[in-house]
Amino acid sequence: MPGMNGIQTMEQIRDMHFDLPILISSGQPDIEQWVSFQRPNVAVIAKPFTLEEILAKLREFALIPPPDKTGS
C-alpha cells in the first residue's frame, strides 16, 4: 500500500470486492475508537494480539451477514 493510508486502502478494497470482510490491525492504542473504521464488515484489532484474539475476530466475521448492496 505504498502511497496510501489504511482508510484509502480499505476504500480501494471495497471498490473491488464489496462483500470482502476487512480486518485491520494497528499499533495505535486507540484504533478501536476510530470512527472511520466503524463500517459494515470491518473489524479492528490492536497490536500486539494473541492467536486467540485474532481467531475470535475472525469468528465474528463468520457470524455477521454481508452488508446489503442496495444500501437499504
C-alpha atoms as a PDB file:
ATOM      1  CA  MET A   1       0.000   0.000   0.000  1.00  0.00           C
ATOM      2  CA  PRO A   2       2.781   2.462  -0.764  1.00  0.00           C
ATOM      3  CA  GLY A   3       1.388   5.979  -1.026  1.00  0.00           C
ATOM      4  CA  MET A   4      -1.919   5.086   0.667  1.00  0.00           C
ATOM      5  CA  ASN A   5      -3.078   5.112   4.251  1.00  0.00           C
ATOM      6  CA  GLY A   6      -5.279   2.443   5.815  1.00  0.00           C
ATOM      7  CA  ILE A   7      -8.554   4.198   5.003  1.00  0.00           C
ATOM      8  CA  GLN A   8      -7.596   4.651   1.341  1.00  0.00           C
ATOM      9  CA  THR A   9      -6.552   1.009   1.134  1.00  0.00           C
ATOM     10  CA  MET A  10      -9.836  -0.099   2.693  1.00  0.00           C
ATOM     11  CA  GLU A  11     -11.831   2.001   0.199  1.00  0.00           C
ATOM     12  CA  GLN A  12      -9.912   0.551  -2.748  1.00  0.00           C
ATOM     13  CA  ILE A  13     -10.558  -2.979  -1.497  1.00  0.00           C
ATOM     14  CA  ARG A  14     -14.277  -2.124  -1.097  1.00  0.00           C
ATOM     15  CA  ASP A  15     -14.407  -0.823  -4.677  1.00  0.00           C
ATOM     16  CA  MET A  16     -13.028  -4.116  -5.994  1.00  0.00           C
ATOM     17  CA  HIS A  17     -14.694  -6.563  -3.559  1.00  0.00           C
ATOM     18  CA  PHE A  18     -17.768  -5.110  -1.821  1.00  0.00           C
ATOM     19  CA  ASP A  19     -18.521  -8.161   0.353  1.00  0.00           C
ATOM     20  CA  LEU A  20     -14.975  -8.940   1.448  1.00  0.00           C
ATOM     21  CA  PRO A  21     -14.578  -8.689   5.233  1.00  0.00           C
ATOM     22  CA  ILE A  22     -11.665  -6.481   6.264  1.00  0.00           C
ATOM     23  CA  LEU A  23      -9.669  -6.945   9.446  1.00  0.00           C
ATOM     24  CA  ILE A  24      -7.388  -4.033  10.252  1.00  0.00           C
ATOM     25  CA  SER A  25      -4.553  -4.351  12.724  1.00  0.00           C
ATOM     26  CA  SER A  26      -2.712  -1.386  14.141  1.00  0.00           C
ATOM     27  CA  GLY A  27      -0.271  -0.491  16.849  1.00  0.00           C
ATOM     28  CA  GLN A  28      -2.208   2.707  17.572  1.00  0.00           C
ATOM     29  CA  PRO A  29      -3.584   2.462  21.121  1.00  0.00           C
ATOM     30  CA  ASP A  30      -6.980   3.964  20.253  1.00  0.00           C
ATOM     31  CA  ILE A  31      -7.627   2.150  16.921  1.00  0.00           C
ATOM     32  CA  GLU A  32     -10.882   0.598  18.129  1.00  0.00           C
ATOM     33  CA  GLN A  33     -12.262   4.095  18.725  1.00  0.00           C
ATOM     34  CA  TRP A  34     -11.598   5.341  15.179  1.00  0.00           C
ATOM     35  CA  VAL A  35     -14.986   6.206  13.709  1.00  0.00           C
ATOM     36  CA  SER A  36     -13.653   5.899  10.155  1.00  0.00           C
ATOM     37  CA  PHE A  37     -13.256   2.133  10.610  1.00  0.00           C
ATOM     38  CA  GLN A  38     -16.756   1.570  12.024  1.00  0.00           C
ATOM     39  CA  ARG A  39     -18.306   0.220   8.847  1.00  0.00           C
ATOM     40  CA  PRO A  40     -20.154  -2.960   7.931  1.00  0.00           C
ATOM     41  CA  ASN A  41     -17.897  -5.989   7.627  1.00  0.00           C
ATOM     42  CA  VAL A  42     -14.853  -4.133   9.013  1.00  0.00           C
ATOM     43  CA  ALA A  43     -13.206  -5.014  12.307  1.00  0.00           C
ATOM     44  CA  VAL A  44     -10.093  -3.753  14.015  1.00  0.00           C
ATOM     45  CA  ILE A  45      -7.635  -5.450  16.300  1.00  0.00           C
ATOM     46  CA  ALA A  46      -4.869  -3.733  18.225  1.00  0.00           C
ATOM     47  CA  LYS A  47      -1.287  -4.937  18.163  1.00  0.00           C
ATOM     48  CA  PRO A  48       0.097  -6.889  19.817  1.00  0.00           C
ATOM     49  CA  PHE A  49      -2.601  -9.543  19.654  1.00  0.00           C
ATOM     50  CA  THR A  50      -2.655 -13.204  20.519  1.00  0.00           C
ATOM     51  CA  LEU A  51      -3.680 -16.070  18.281  1.00  0.00           C
ATOM     52  CA  GLU A  52      -6.838 -16.441  20.373  1.00  0.00           C
ATOM     53  CA  GLU A  53      -7.740 -12.765  19.880  1.00  0.00           C
ATOM     54  CA  ILE A  54      -7.359 -12.860  16.107  1.00  0.00           C
ATOM     55  CA  LEU A  55      -9.318 -16.121  15.894  1.00  0.00           C
ATOM     56  CA  ALA A  56     -12.126 -14.502  17.910  1.00  0.00           C
ATOM     57  CA  LYS A  57     -12.220 -11.571  15.459  1.00  0.00           C
ATOM     58  CA  LEU A  58     -12.350 -13.952  12.506  1.00  0.00           C
ATOM     59  CA  ARG A  59     -15.200 -15.866  14.156  1.00  0.00           C
ATOM     60  CA  GLU A  60     -17.115 -12.579  14.447  1.00  0.00           C
ATOM     61  CA  PHE A  61     -16.908 -12.232  10.656  1.00  0.00           C
ATOM     62  CA  ALA A  62     -18.326 -15.724  10.253  1.00  0.00           C
ATOM     63  CA  LEU A  63     -21.425 -14.657  12.218  1.00  0.00           C
ATOM     64  CA  ILE A  64     -22.009 -11.275  10.552  1.00  0.00           C
ATOM     65  CA  PRO A  65     -24.163 -11.366   7.412  1.00  0.00           C
ATOM     66  CA  PRO A  66     -22.690  -9.487   4.450  1.00  0.00           C
ATOM     67  CA  PRO A  67     -23.907  -5.896   4.019  1.00  0.00           C
ATOM     68  CA  ASP A  68     -26.877  -5.147   1.778  1.00  0.00           C
ATOM     69  CA  LYS A  69     -25.567  -3.944  -1.601  1.00  0.00           C
ATOM     70  CA  THR A  70     -28.711  -1.927  -2.241  1.00  0.00           C
ATOM     71  CA  GLY A  71     -27.980   0.448   0.639  1.00  0.00           C
ATOM     72  CA  SER A  72     -31.340  -0.161   2.271  1.00  0.00           C
END
